[in-house]
Amino acid sequence: MEKKKTALGAGRIDFKKYGDGLVPAIVQDYDTHKVLMLGFMNEEAFIKTEETGKVTFFSRSKKRLWTKGEESGNFLLVKSVAVDCDNDTLLIKAHPLGPVCHTGADTCWSERNHKDDFLYYLEDIINLRKQASADESYVAKLFAKGLNKIAQKVGEEAVEMVIEAKDNNEKLFLDEGADLLFHYLVLLNAKGYKLQDIVEVLKKRHSK
């Protein structure tokens, strides 16, 4: 953790504003800017977060400090911490080491509020469904067949889209384009990459 970015000092945060000594802590993905989750910190949790560089909350159900990822290994590595104008709410930008939500999704809002980022939402769903039974999920069935089969499927969909591009059937062309994009997202996941990795490549090209 880079101290110069995160060392607010607990004294700047009003932990006494609420009777339980807790303040809300919103966690945002440092790279994608997606809101990942909301937790609560007391002063001890905040200090531990600063010291370890891993987001640590106070669990209201367990009544103890809880470092996100302590069981799963999906830690949230702190990149920066900011306090709001009332000194009673934290915004933490972090790098997630895996899915954040207990459902296996990248964010706790993946199942509900991704209307403006549907491709990222779809990416979350692919990541979730690959863990299902191959008998229950098409995505899981693809992963069960291995990387070569997934790559082959992308090639097949690309050929089908090219064929439809030569005709004037708009629906078939768009359907094949959707199939190609979906299977490409599956391939990205299988290779250990995310859509954001492709976006970053495009951004770098655009800036040249």
Protein backbone atom coordinates (compact mmCIF):
# COMPACT_ATOMS: atom_id res chain seq x y z
CA MET A 1 0.00 0.00 0.00
CA GLU A 2 1.24 3.47 -0.86
CA LYS A 3 1.14 5.44 2.39
CA LYS A 4 1.18 8.82 0.70
CA LYS A 5 -2.16 7.98 -0.96
CA THR A 6 -3.96 6.29 1.89
CA ALA A 7 -2.69 7.63 5.19
CA LEU A 8 -5.61 9.82 6.24
CA GLY A 9 -5.15 9.22 9.93
CA ALA A 10 -8.03 7.98 12.02
CA GLY A 11 -8.33 11.40 13.65
CA ARG A 12 -9.91 12.85 10.51
CA ILE A 13 -12.82 10.40 10.63
CA ASP A 14 -15.80 11.01 12.94
CA PHE A 15 -16.28 7.54 14.43
CA LYS A 16 -18.36 9.06 17.24
CA LYS A 17 -21.08 10.43 14.98
CA TYR A 18 -23.12 7.23 15.24
CA GLY A 19 -23.76 5.35 18.45
CA ASP A 20 -22.16 2.11 17.30
CA GLY A 21 -18.85 3.78 16.41
CA LEU A 22 -19.08 2.64 12.79
CA VAL A 23 -18.80 4.56 9.53
CA PRO A 24 -19.85 3.33 6.05
CA ALA A 25 -17.00 2.34 3.73
CA ILE A 26 -17.75 2.22 0.01
CA VAL A 27 -15.29 0.12 -2.00
CA GLN A 28 -14.69 0.98 -5.66
CA ASP A 29 -12.60 -0.88 -8.22
CA TYR A 30 -9.47 1.23 -8.81
CA ASP A 31 -9.26 0.25 -12.50
CA THR A 32 -12.87 -0.05 -13.69
CA HIS A 33 -14.45 2.41 -11.20
CA LYS A 34 -17.28 -0.05 -10.55
CA VAL A 35 -18.71 0.09 -7.03
CA LEU A 36 -17.84 -3.29 -5.51
CA MET A 37 -19.41 -3.39 -2.07
CA LEU A 38 -20.38 -1.51 1.07
CA GLY A 39 -19.10 -2.35 4.54
CA PHE A 40 -18.63 -0.68 7.90
CA MET A 41 -15.46 0.24 9.76
CA ASN A 42 -14.74 1.20 13.32
CA GLU A 43 -11.48 2.92 14.22
CA GLU A 44 -9.69 -0.39 14.79
CA ALA A 45 -10.75 -1.72 11.39
CA PHE A 46 -9.60 1.47 9.69
CA ILE A 47 -6.19 1.32 11.37
CA LYS A 48 -5.75 -2.32 10.37
CA THR A 49 -6.71 -1.45 6.79
CA GLU A 50 -4.05 1.25 6.75
CA GLU A 51 -1.42 -1.03 8.28
CA THR A 52 -2.00 -4.13 6.12
CA GLY A 53 -3.13 -2.57 2.84
CA LYS A 54 -6.09 -4.98 2.80
CA VAL A 55 -9.64 -3.72 3.30
CA THR A 56 -10.81 -4.72 6.78
CA PHE A 57 -14.33 -4.14 8.09
CA PHE A 58 -16.07 -4.56 11.40
CA SER A 59 -18.60 -7.35 10.96
CA ARG A 60 -21.86 -6.42 12.66
CA SER A 61 -23.03 -10.05 12.58
CA LYS A 62 -19.78 -11.62 13.83
CA LYS A 63 -19.00 -8.72 16.17
CA ARG A 64 -15.32 -8.70 15.19
CA LEU A 65 -12.87 -7.36 12.63
CA TRP A 66 -13.20 -9.04 9.26
CA THR A 67 -10.66 -8.72 6.48
CA LYS A 68 -12.38 -9.17 3.13
CA GLY A 69 -10.93 -12.33 1.56
CA GLU A 70 -9.62 -13.85 4.79
CA GLU A 71 -11.30 -17.15 3.88
CA SER A 72 -11.56 -17.00 0.08
CA GLY A 73 -8.25 -15.28 -0.66
CA ASN A 74 -10.15 -12.64 -2.66
CA PHE A 75 -8.57 -9.70 -0.83
CA LEU A 76 -9.20 -6.05 -1.67
CA LEU A 77 -5.80 -4.35 -1.96
CA VAL A 78 -6.07 -0.69 -1.02
CA LYS A 79 -4.95 1.89 -3.57
CA SER A 80 -6.41 5.03 -1.98
CA VAL A 81 -8.76 6.14 0.79
CA ALA A 82 -10.83 9.33 0.92
CA VAL A 83 -13.23 10.71 3.52
CA ASP A 84 -16.31 12.72 2.57
CA CYS A 85 -17.03 16.36 3.50
CA ASP A 86 -18.79 15.35 6.74
CA ASN A 87 -15.91 13.09 7.80
CA ASP A 88 -18.28 10.17 8.33
CA THR A 89 -18.13 8.11 5.12
CA LEU A 90 -15.13 6.52 3.41
CA LEU A 91 -14.46 5.89 -0.27
CA ILE A 92 -11.86 3.17 -0.75
CA LYS A 93 -10.40 2.46 -4.17
CA ALA A 94 -8.95 -1.03 -4.29
CA HIS A 95 -7.65 -3.77 -6.54
CA PRO A 96 -9.77 -6.93 -6.06
CA LEU A 97 -7.98 -10.29 -6.12
CA GLY A 98 -10.99 -12.18 -7.40
CA PRO A 99 -14.80 -11.99 -7.16
CA VAL A 100 -16.09 -9.66 -4.46
CA CYS A 101 -19.67 -10.84 -3.95
CA HIS A 102 -20.48 -14.11 -2.14
CA THR A 103 -22.44 -15.11 -5.28
CA GLY A 104 -19.18 -15.24 -7.23
CA ALA A 105 -19.86 -11.99 -9.07
CA ASP A 106 -17.35 -9.15 -9.34
CA THR A 107 -19.61 -6.72 -7.49
CA CYS A 108 -22.47 -6.98 -5.03
CA TRP A 109 -24.68 -5.11 -7.52
CA SER A 110 -24.00 -7.38 -10.49
CA GLU A 111 -27.36 -9.10 -10.38
CA ARG A 112 -29.36 -5.87 -10.35
CA ASN A 113 -27.84 -2.59 -11.49
CA HIS A 114 -25.70 -3.05 -14.58
CA LYS A 115 -28.08 -1.55 -17.15
CA ASP A 116 -25.44 0.95 -18.25
CA ASP A 117 -22.61 -1.60 -18.30
CA PHE A 118 -24.33 -4.69 -19.63
CA LEU A 119 -21.19 -6.25 -21.07
CA TYR A 120 -19.52 -6.09 -17.64
CA TYR A 121 -22.67 -7.57 -16.13
CA LEU A 122 -22.61 -10.36 -18.72
CA GLU A 123 -18.96 -10.97 -17.89
CA ASP A 124 -19.93 -11.40 -14.23
CA ILE A 125 -22.66 -13.88 -15.18
CA ILE A 126 -20.21 -15.94 -17.28
CA ASN A 127 -17.81 -16.06 -14.34
CA LEU A 128 -20.63 -17.20 -12.07
CA ARG A 129 -22.13 -19.82 -14.39
CA LYS A 130 -18.84 -21.50 -15.23
CA GLN A 131 -18.91 -22.81 -11.67
CA ALA A 132 -22.25 -24.54 -12.20
CA SER A 133 -22.85 -28.10 -13.34
CA ALA A 134 -22.23 -28.77 -17.03
CA ASP A 135 -25.70 -30.34 -17.15
CA GLU A 136 -27.29 -27.10 -16.00
CA SER A 137 -25.26 -24.40 -17.76
CA TYR A 138 -24.15 -23.95 -21.37
CA VAL A 139 -21.20 -21.86 -20.14
CA ALA A 140 -20.12 -24.58 -17.72
CA LYS A 141 -20.39 -27.12 -20.52
CA LEU A 142 -18.05 -25.04 -22.69
CA PHE A 143 -15.50 -24.76 -19.90
CA ALA A 144 -15.72 -28.49 -19.28
CA LYS A 145 -14.64 -29.08 -22.89
CA GLY A 146 -11.52 -26.98 -22.46
CA LEU A 147 -9.82 -23.95 -23.97
CA ASN A 148 -9.40 -25.40 -27.47
CA LYS A 149 -13.13 -26.02 -27.79
CA ILE A 150 -13.94 -22.51 -26.57
CA ALA A 151 -11.51 -20.97 -29.07
CA GLN A 152 -12.93 -23.16 -31.83
CA LYS A 153 -16.43 -21.95 -30.99
CA VAL A 154 -15.30 -18.32 -31.31
CA GLY A 155 -13.90 -19.14 -34.76
CA GLU A 156 -17.15 -20.80 -35.82
CA GLU A 157 -19.21 -17.82 -34.68
CA ALA A 158 -16.88 -15.40 -36.49
CA VAL A 159 -17.32 -17.32 -39.75
CA GLU A 160 -21.10 -17.35 -39.34
CA MET A 161 -21.16 -13.60 -38.76
CA VAL A 162 -19.06 -12.97 -41.88
CA ILE A 163 -21.47 -15.09 -43.93
CA GLU A 164 -24.47 -13.15 -42.63
CA ALA A 165 -22.68 -9.84 -43.31
CA LYS A 166 -22.81 -10.62 -47.03
CA ASP A 167 -26.61 -10.82 -46.96
CA ASN A 168 -29.23 -8.24 -46.06
CA ASN A 169 -30.93 -10.01 -43.16
CA GLU A 170 -30.39 -7.55 -40.33
CA LYS A 171 -31.71 -9.84 -37.61
CA LEU A 172 -29.47 -12.77 -38.52
CA PHE A 173 -26.44 -10.50 -38.80
CA LEU A 174 -27.05 -8.98 -35.36
CA ASP A 175 -27.81 -12.38 -33.83
CA GLU A 176 -24.54 -13.80 -35.11
CA GLY A 177 -22.70 -10.71 -33.87
CA ALA A 178 -24.18 -11.23 -30.41
CA ASP A 179 -23.16 -14.91 -30.48
CA LEU A 180 -19.61 -13.95 -31.44
CA LEU A 181 -19.31 -11.33 -28.71
CA PHE A 182 -20.70 -13.68 -26.06
CA HIS A 183 -18.29 -16.47 -26.93
CA TYR A 184 -15.39 -14.01 -27.07
CA LEU A 185 -16.20 -13.01 -23.47
CA VAL A 186 -16.14 -16.69 -22.56
CA LEU A 187 -12.73 -17.05 -24.24
CA LEU A 188 -11.38 -14.02 -22.39
CA ASN A 189 -12.46 -15.58 -19.10
CA ALA A 190 -10.89 -18.92 -20.02
CA LYS A 191 -7.60 -17.15 -20.77
CA GLY A 192 -7.70 -15.31 -17.44
CA TYR A 193 -8.48 -11.88 -18.87
CA LYS A 194 -11.37 -9.45 -18.59
CA LEU A 195 -13.13 -7.10 -20.96
CA GLN A 196 -11.39 -4.23 -19.16
CA ASP A 197 -8.04 -5.57 -20.38
CA ILE A 198 -9.21 -5.14 -23.97
CA VAL A 199 -10.60 -1.70 -23.17
CA GLU A 200 -7.20 -0.65 -21.83
CA VAL A 201 -5.50 -1.80 -25.04
CA LEU A 202 -7.97 0.24 -27.09
CA LYS A 203 -7.46 3.27 -24.86
CA LYS A 204 -3.70 3.11 -25.36
CA ARG A 205 -4.15 2.88 -29.12
CA HIS A 206 -6.57 5.78 -29.08
CA SER A 207 -4.13 7.99 -27.19
CA LYS A 208 -1.38 7.57 -29.78
